[in-house]
Amino acid sequence: KSPILSVTLGLLALASHFSDTMVATRNSRRGRSGAAGAAVLAGAVGLAARSTISFTAPSAARASLDAGASALAQSQLLESTMPPPAPAAASFGAAVAASGMALAAVAAAGLGAKRAAGARERRCSRTVCAARGGDAKGALVVIAGPPAAGKGTQCEKIKEKYGYVHISTGDILRENVKNGTELGLKAKGFMDSGALVPSELIVDLVKDRLTKDDVKEQGCLLDGFPRAPDQAQAMVDAGLKVQKFLVIKVPDDTLVERGCGRRLDPETGDIYHLKFKPPPAEIVDRLVHRSDDQEDKIRERLNNYHSQIDGITPFFSEVLYEIDGTGKPDDVFDLVTKGLDTL
């Protein structure tokens, strides 16, 4: 299965054949010396391969490796029973032997590098597993969508059906700052100075939250992060493995209609919509049309969203699940469940 293993075994087979041919011409000093060198080639490659792939080589490969080692022993016996070779023949044998040792070193180095890479991958997997709770129950789901796409409604439905812990980076920041944690104090320094909290620090906060018992048992619905490509890169670098990345998609014109029709009741905090959720007639006069629900503001936010999400999704292409958000909330949730039920 490994290209390096195939090359190693191929070299071994070639060297063994060369050895057999040379032994057949052992009456020739050049042939005798070549047989010794070829046996060294077979034995060196065989021993190097056997030492690096002893746990993965199939039985046929083991037989070939043992044959190489046997060829080396036969050549040594042959040399001890015949007169010394001429200098030219000895040089020929030495050259073949040196080639064998070089090829064996290359094979051993390549296989050793592969095993080291495998060990690094296993360590990374253990880190990721620990960060998201250690088992399948600690699934990490991310949900994203443009303003007015209905993401908040879907988060509530997801929590109710799947029991995921709903986590937003804003909540995490406020909680850590309030509790005076080490990470919270670091974040507070940036917030007090009016600077953006670095993506690496946000990731550290998220990782810390994912170690809590409720996330380990119930899984996590991460809302509002990553917001930018550099935050997505920071998540990947930190080993945070996302099991499903949900993206709600709605045409911009539909989102503008949804946003422009919203009205706020300043007395109760309730949100109404002139078309989709009409307010009672007796409170219409006191409703407020917020400045960020004006068309120009909505389109500006949509442009910002598209410029960021297009750079985020490539990091999660293998787990990306796009949802048509133009339907009624229950219909959209049916699509959401089709994506989450596969976890």
Protein backbone atom coordinates (compact mmCIF):
# COMPACT_ATOMS: atom_id res chain seq x y z
CA LYS A 1 0.00 0.00 0.00
CA SER A 2 2.94 2.31 0.61
CA PRO A 3 4.98 3.54 -2.40
CA ILE A 4 8.12 3.43 -0.28
CA LEU A 5 7.41 -0.15 0.72
CA SER A 6 6.84 -1.11 -2.94
CA VAL A 7 10.13 0.47 -4.00
CA THR A 8 11.98 -1.22 -1.15
CA LEU A 9 10.60 -4.65 -1.97
CA GLY A 10 11.27 -4.07 -5.67
CA LEU A 11 14.89 -3.23 -4.99
CA LEU A 12 15.16 -6.26 -2.76
CA ALA A 13 13.76 -8.58 -5.44
CA LEU A 14 16.11 -7.10 -8.06
CA ALA A 15 19.10 -7.44 -5.77
CA SER A 16 18.21 -11.04 -4.89
CA HIS A 17 17.91 -11.92 -8.58
CA PHE A 18 21.23 -10.21 -9.26
CA SER A 19 22.78 -12.18 -6.42
CA ASP A 20 21.51 -15.49 -7.77
CA THR A 21 22.88 -14.68 -11.22
CA MET A 22 26.27 -13.78 -9.85
CA VAL A 23 26.44 -16.89 -7.70
CA ALA A 24 25.79 -18.95 -10.83
CA THR A 25 28.98 -17.42 -12.33
CA ARG A 26 31.03 -17.86 -9.18
CA ASN A 27 33.93 -19.40 -11.12
CA SER A 28 34.58 -15.85 -12.36
CA ARG A 29 36.33 -13.60 -9.88
CA ARG A 30 34.27 -10.69 -11.14
CA GLY A 31 31.14 -12.80 -10.78
CA ARG A 32 32.16 -13.91 -7.28
CA SER A 33 32.76 -10.35 -6.15
CA GLY A 34 29.56 -9.17 -7.78
CA ALA A 35 27.65 -11.92 -5.98
CA ALA A 36 29.02 -10.72 -2.65
CA GLY A 37 28.15 -7.11 -3.43
CA ALA A 38 24.66 -8.05 -4.64
CA ALA A 39 24.08 -10.08 -1.51
CA VAL A 40 25.09 -7.08 0.57
CA LEU A 41 22.62 -5.01 -1.48
CA ALA A 42 19.83 -7.53 -0.85
CA GLY A 43 20.70 -7.97 2.78
CA ALA A 44 21.08 -4.24 3.51
CA VAL A 45 17.79 -3.33 1.87
CA GLY A 46 16.12 -6.29 3.51
CA LEU A 47 17.41 -5.55 6.98
CA ALA A 48 16.58 -1.84 6.70
CA ALA A 49 13.08 -2.56 5.49
CA ARG A 50 12.55 -5.27 8.09
CA SER A 51 13.58 -2.91 10.88
CA THR A 52 11.20 -0.13 9.79
CA ILE A 53 8.09 -1.99 8.64
CA SER A 54 8.18 -5.06 10.87
CA PHE A 55 4.65 -4.34 12.06
CA THR A 56 3.07 -3.77 8.66
CA ALA A 57 4.82 -6.00 6.09
CA PRO A 58 2.67 -8.95 4.90
CA SER A 59 3.93 -12.53 5.16
CA ALA A 60 5.10 -12.59 1.53
CA ALA A 61 7.20 -9.50 2.11
CA ARG A 62 8.69 -11.03 5.24
CA ALA A 63 9.69 -14.09 3.23
CA SER A 64 11.43 -11.85 0.65
CA LEU A 65 13.21 -9.93 3.37
CA ASP A 66 14.44 -13.13 4.98
CA ALA A 67 15.63 -14.34 1.59
CA GLY A 68 17.74 -11.18 1.28
CA ALA A 69 19.35 -11.77 4.65
CA SER A 70 20.00 -15.40 3.66
CA ALA A 71 21.66 -14.25 0.43
CA LEU A 72 24.04 -12.12 2.45
CA ALA A 73 25.04 -15.13 4.57
CA GLN A 74 25.55 -17.30 1.46
CA SER A 75 27.83 -14.71 -0.14
CA GLN A 76 29.93 -14.47 3.01
CA LEU A 77 30.31 -18.27 3.01
CA LEU A 78 31.18 -18.21 -0.68
CA GLU A 79 33.88 -15.62 -0.15
CA SER A 80 35.43 -17.62 2.68
CA THR A 81 35.85 -20.73 0.49
CA MET A 82 37.36 -19.16 -2.65
CA PRO A 83 40.57 -17.22 -3.43
CA PRO A 84 40.57 -13.44 -3.04
CA PRO A 85 39.24 -11.54 -6.09
CA ALA A 86 41.26 -9.28 -8.32
CA PRO A 87 41.26 -5.57 -7.41
CA ALA A 88 38.94 -4.69 -10.30
CA ALA A 89 36.46 -7.38 -9.30
CA ALA A 90 36.64 -6.33 -5.67
CA SER A 91 35.92 -2.73 -6.70
CA PHE A 92 32.88 -3.91 -8.64
CA GLY A 93 31.56 -5.80 -5.63
CA ALA A 94 32.24 -2.88 -3.30
CA ALA A 95 30.38 -0.51 -5.61
CA VAL A 96 27.31 -2.74 -5.61
CA ALA A 97 27.50 -3.10 -1.84
CA ALA A 98 27.78 0.67 -1.38
CA SER A 99 24.75 1.17 -3.62
CA GLY A 100 22.85 -1.29 -1.46
CA MET A 101 23.69 0.54 1.73
CA ALA A 102 22.69 3.91 0.20
CA LEU A 103 19.38 2.58 -1.07
CA ALA A 104 18.71 0.94 2.28
CA ALA A 105 19.35 4.23 4.06
CA VAL A 106 16.95 6.06 1.73
CA ALA A 107 14.26 3.42 2.27
CA ALA A 108 14.71 3.46 6.03
CA ALA A 109 14.63 7.27 6.17
CA GLY A 110 11.47 7.45 4.07
CA LEU A 111 9.65 4.83 6.12
CA GLY A 112 10.85 6.39 9.35
CA ALA A 113 9.50 9.78 8.21
CA LYS A 114 6.15 8.19 7.38
CA ARG A 115 5.92 6.61 10.82
CA ALA A 116 6.82 9.92 12.46
CA ALA A 117 4.10 11.69 10.44
CA GLY A 118 1.61 9.05 11.53
CA ALA A 119 2.55 9.62 15.16
CA ARG A 120 2.03 13.38 14.75
CA GLU A 121 -1.38 12.78 13.18
CA ARG A 122 -2.39 10.51 16.07
CA ARG A 123 -1.28 13.14 18.60
CA CYS A 124 -3.29 15.79 16.74
CA SER A 125 -6.36 13.55 16.74
CA ARG A 126 -6.07 13.08 20.49
CA THR A 127 -5.83 16.86 20.96
CA VAL A 128 -8.88 17.48 18.79
CA CYS A 129 -10.85 14.78 20.56
CA ALA A 130 -10.04 16.26 23.94
CA ALA A 131 -10.93 19.78 22.80
CA ARG A 132 -14.43 18.79 21.68
CA GLY A 133 -15.20 16.50 24.56
CA GLY A 134 -13.47 13.22 23.75
CA ASP A 135 -16.23 11.35 21.93
CA ALA A 136 -19.08 11.58 19.43
CA LYS A 137 -21.38 13.11 22.05
CA GLY A 138 -19.18 16.20 22.07
CA ALA A 139 -19.99 17.09 18.46
CA LEU A 140 -19.08 20.62 17.38
CA VAL A 141 -21.63 22.19 15.03
CA VAL A 142 -21.24 25.69 13.59
CA ILE A 143 -24.15 27.70 12.20
CA ALA A 144 -23.78 30.73 9.96
CA GLY A 145 -26.08 32.91 7.92
CA PRO A 146 -26.62 36.50 6.80
CA PRO A 147 -28.60 39.05 8.82
CA ALA A 148 -32.36 38.28 8.89
CA ALA A 149 -31.82 34.73 7.60
CA GLY A 150 -33.60 33.27 10.63
CA LYS A 151 -30.48 31.89 12.27
CA GLY A 152 -31.71 32.69 15.78
CA THR A 153 -34.96 30.80 15.22
CA GLN A 154 -33.09 27.75 13.91
CA CYS A 155 -30.68 27.82 16.86
CA GLU A 156 -33.62 27.56 19.25
CA LYS A 157 -35.08 24.63 17.32
CA ILE A 158 -31.70 22.86 17.17
CA LYS A 159 -31.21 23.23 20.93
CA GLU A 160 -34.67 21.85 21.60
CA LYS A 161 -34.32 18.79 19.34
CA TYR A 162 -30.64 17.86 19.78
CA GLY A 163 -29.83 19.29 23.19
CA TYR A 164 -26.67 21.05 21.99
CA VAL A 165 -25.22 23.77 24.20
CA HIS A 166 -25.73 27.05 22.33
CA ILE A 167 -22.54 29.09 22.48
CA SER A 168 -21.88 32.53 21.03
CA THR A 169 -18.50 34.20 21.22
CA GLY A 170 -20.14 37.34 22.62
CA ASP A 171 -21.54 35.34 25.54
CA ILE A 172 -18.17 33.69 26.13
CA LEU A 173 -16.38 37.03 26.16
CA ARG A 174 -18.84 38.64 28.56
CA GLU A 175 -18.78 35.63 30.90
CA ASN A 176 -14.99 35.48 31.08
CA VAL A 177 -14.65 39.24 31.58
CA LYS A 178 -17.33 39.17 34.28
CA ASN A 179 -15.68 36.27 36.11
CA GLY A 180 -12.21 37.79 35.83
CA THR A 181 -10.61 34.72 34.28
CA GLU A 182 -7.10 34.85 32.87
CA LEU A 183 -8.42 34.81 29.30
CA GLY A 184 -11.14 37.29 30.23
CA LEU A 185 -8.59 39.77 31.60
CA LYS A 186 -6.58 39.48 28.40
CA ALA A 187 -9.69 40.13 26.31
CA LYS A 188 -10.73 43.05 28.55
CA GLY A 189 -7.45 44.79 27.82
CA PHE A 190 -8.24 44.84 24.10
CA MET A 191 -11.90 45.74 24.63
CA ASP A 192 -11.12 48.65 26.97
CA SER A 193 -8.68 50.10 24.44
CA GLY A 194 -11.25 49.87 21.65
CA ALA A 195 -9.26 47.23 19.76
CA LEU A 196 -10.60 44.01 18.29
CA VAL A 197 -9.97 40.90 20.35
CA PRO A 198 -7.40 38.81 18.38
CA SER A 199 -8.72 35.69 16.68
CA GLU A 200 -6.21 33.50 18.54
CA LEU A 201 -7.58 34.71 21.88
CA ILE A 202 -11.17 34.08 20.77
CA VAL A 203 -10.18 30.54 19.76
CA ASP A 204 -8.57 30.03 23.19
CA LEU A 205 -11.83 31.12 24.81
CA VAL A 206 -13.82 28.75 22.61
CA LYS A 207 -11.45 25.86 23.34
CA ASP A 208 -11.75 26.52 27.06
CA ARG A 209 -15.56 26.50 26.81
CA LEU A 210 -15.52 23.22 24.89
CA THR A 211 -13.76 21.48 27.79
CA LYS A 212 -16.74 22.01 30.10
CA ASP A 213 -18.80 18.99 31.13
CA ASP A 214 -22.05 20.18 29.52
CA VAL A 215 -20.40 20.41 26.09
CA LYS A 216 -18.72 17.02 26.52
CA GLU A 217 -22.07 15.41 27.24
CA GLN A 218 -24.42 17.36 24.98
CA GLY A 219 -22.34 18.71 22.12
CA CYS A 220 -22.03 22.33 21.04
CA LEU A 221 -23.78 24.69 18.63
CA LEU A 222 -21.29 27.46 17.93
CA ASP A 223 -23.02 30.64 16.75
CA GLY A 224 -21.22 33.69 15.39
CA PHE A 225 -17.78 32.18 15.01
CA PRO A 226 -15.76 32.12 12.86
CA ARG A 227 -16.72 35.52 11.45
CA ALA A 228 -13.67 35.98 9.21
CA PRO A 229 -11.18 33.82 7.28
CA ASP A 230 -8.39 34.49 9.79
CA GLN A 231 -10.63 33.16 12.57
CA ALA A 232 -11.36 30.04 10.50
CA GLN A 233 -7.62 29.56 10.02
CA ALA A 234 -7.07 30.01 13.75
CA MET A 235 -9.67 27.30 14.45
CA VAL A 236 -7.92 24.88 12.09
CA ASP A 237 -4.51 25.70 13.57
CA ALA A 238 -5.87 25.09 17.07
CA GLY A 239 -7.17 21.65 16.07
CA LEU A 240 -10.86 22.45 16.59
CA LYS A 241 -12.61 19.87 14.44
CA VAL A 242 -16.07 20.85 13.24
CA GLN A 243 -18.45 17.95 12.54
CA LYS A 244 -21.01 20.03 10.60
CA PHE A 245 -20.91 23.59 9.27
CA LEU A 246 -24.45 24.80 8.59
CA VAL A 247 -24.90 27.78 6.27
CA ILE A 248 -28.38 29.27 5.80
CA LYS A 249 -28.71 30.83 2.34
CA VAL A 250 -31.33 33.46 1.43
CA PRO A 251 -31.30 35.90 -1.56
CA ASP A 252 -30.31 39.45 -0.63
CA ASP A 253 -33.56 41.00 -1.87
CA THR A 254 -35.56 38.65 0.37
CA LEU A 255 -33.37 39.59 3.34
CA VAL A 256 -33.86 43.29 2.64
CA GLU A 257 -37.62 42.77 2.64
CA ARG A 258 -37.43 40.90 5.92
CA GLY A 259 -35.26 43.54 7.54
CA CYS A 260 -37.03 46.64 6.34
CA GLY A 261 -40.38 45.38 7.58
CA ARG A 262 -39.26 44.81 11.17
CA ARG A 263 -40.57 47.00 13.97
CA LEU A 264 -39.57 47.14 17.65
CA ASP A 265 -41.95 47.63 20.54
CA PRO A 266 -39.89 49.80 22.93
CA GLU A 267 -42.10 48.92 25.89
CA THR A 268 -41.89 45.13 25.67
CA GLY A 269 -38.84 44.59 23.46
CA ASP A 270 -40.90 42.41 21.11
CA ILE A 271 -40.06 42.37 17.41
CA TYR A 272 -42.84 42.43 14.82
CA HIS A 273 -42.90 42.42 11.03
CA LEU A 274 -45.40 44.42 9.03
CA LYS A 275 -45.91 41.52 6.58
CA PHE A 276 -44.83 38.27 8.24
CA LYS A 277 -45.76 39.00 11.89
CA PRO A 278 -48.14 41.96 11.98
CA PRO A 279 -48.42 43.79 15.32
CA PRO A 280 -51.72 44.36 17.11
CA ALA A 281 -53.44 47.48 15.79
CA GLU A 282 -53.44 49.18 19.20
CA ILE A 283 -49.62 49.30 19.46
CA VAL A 284 -48.69 50.19 15.88
CA ASP A 285 -48.22 53.90 16.66
CA ARG A 286 -45.56 53.26 19.30
CA LEU A 287 -43.46 50.83 17.25
CA VAL A 288 -39.96 51.91 16.21
CA HIS A 289 -38.23 51.34 12.89
CA ARG A 290 -34.61 50.92 13.95
CA SER A 291 -31.86 52.65 11.97
CA ASP A 292 -30.06 49.36 11.27
CA ASP A 293 -33.25 48.01 9.67
CA GLN A 294 -33.04 50.59 6.87
CA GLU A 295 -32.27 49.21 3.39
CA ASP A 296 -28.87 50.88 2.98
CA LYS A 297 -27.69 49.56 6.34
CA ILE A 298 -28.97 46.07 5.59
CA ARG A 299 -27.23 45.90 2.20
CA GLU A 300 -23.99 47.14 3.75
CA ARG A 301 -24.12 44.34 6.33
CA LEU A 302 -24.93 41.81 3.60
CA ASN A 303 -21.92 42.91 1.54
CA ASN A 304 -19.69 42.50 4.58
CA TYR A 305 -21.16 39.06 5.29
CA HIS A 306 -20.61 37.78 1.75
CA SER A 307 -17.03 39.05 1.65
CA GLN A 308 -16.24 37.09 4.81
CA ILE A 309 -18.25 33.86 4.40
CA ASP A 310 -16.74 33.20 0.95
CA GLY A 311 -13.32 33.03 2.60
CA ILE A 312 -14.51 30.95 5.57
CA THR A 313 -16.34 28.04 3.95
CA PRO A 314 -13.29 26.61 2.07
CA PHE A 315 -11.79 25.69 5.47
CA PHE A 316 -14.81 23.47 6.17
CA SER A 317 -15.67 22.19 2.70
CA GLU A 318 -15.77 18.55 3.83
CA VAL A 319 -18.45 19.21 6.46
CA LEU A 320 -20.27 22.12 4.80
CA TYR A 321 -24.08 21.82 4.63
CA GLU A 322 -25.99 24.59 2.84
CA ILE A 323 -29.65 25.17 3.69
CA ASP A 324 -32.32 26.98 1.68
CA GLY A 325 -33.62 29.51 4.18
CA THR A 326 -36.42 30.99 2.05
CA GLY A 327 -39.17 28.74 3.42
CA LYS A 328 -41.15 28.86 6.62
CA PRO A 329 -39.14 28.22 9.83
CA ASP A 330 -40.45 24.67 10.21
CA ASP A 331 -39.64 23.85 6.59
CA VAL A 332 -36.14 25.25 6.99
CA PHE A 333 -35.68 23.20 10.15
CA ASP A 334 -36.62 20.03 8.25
CA LEU A 335 -33.62 20.75 6.03
CA VAL A 336 -31.44 21.40 9.07
CA THR A 337 -32.34 18.03 10.59
CA LYS A 338 -31.37 16.22 7.39
CA GLY A 339 -27.87 17.57 7.87
CA LEU A 340 -27.58 16.97 11.61
CA ASP A 341 -29.16 13.51 11.64
CA THR A 342 -26.11 12.18 9.78
CA LEU A 343 -23.81 12.89 12.76
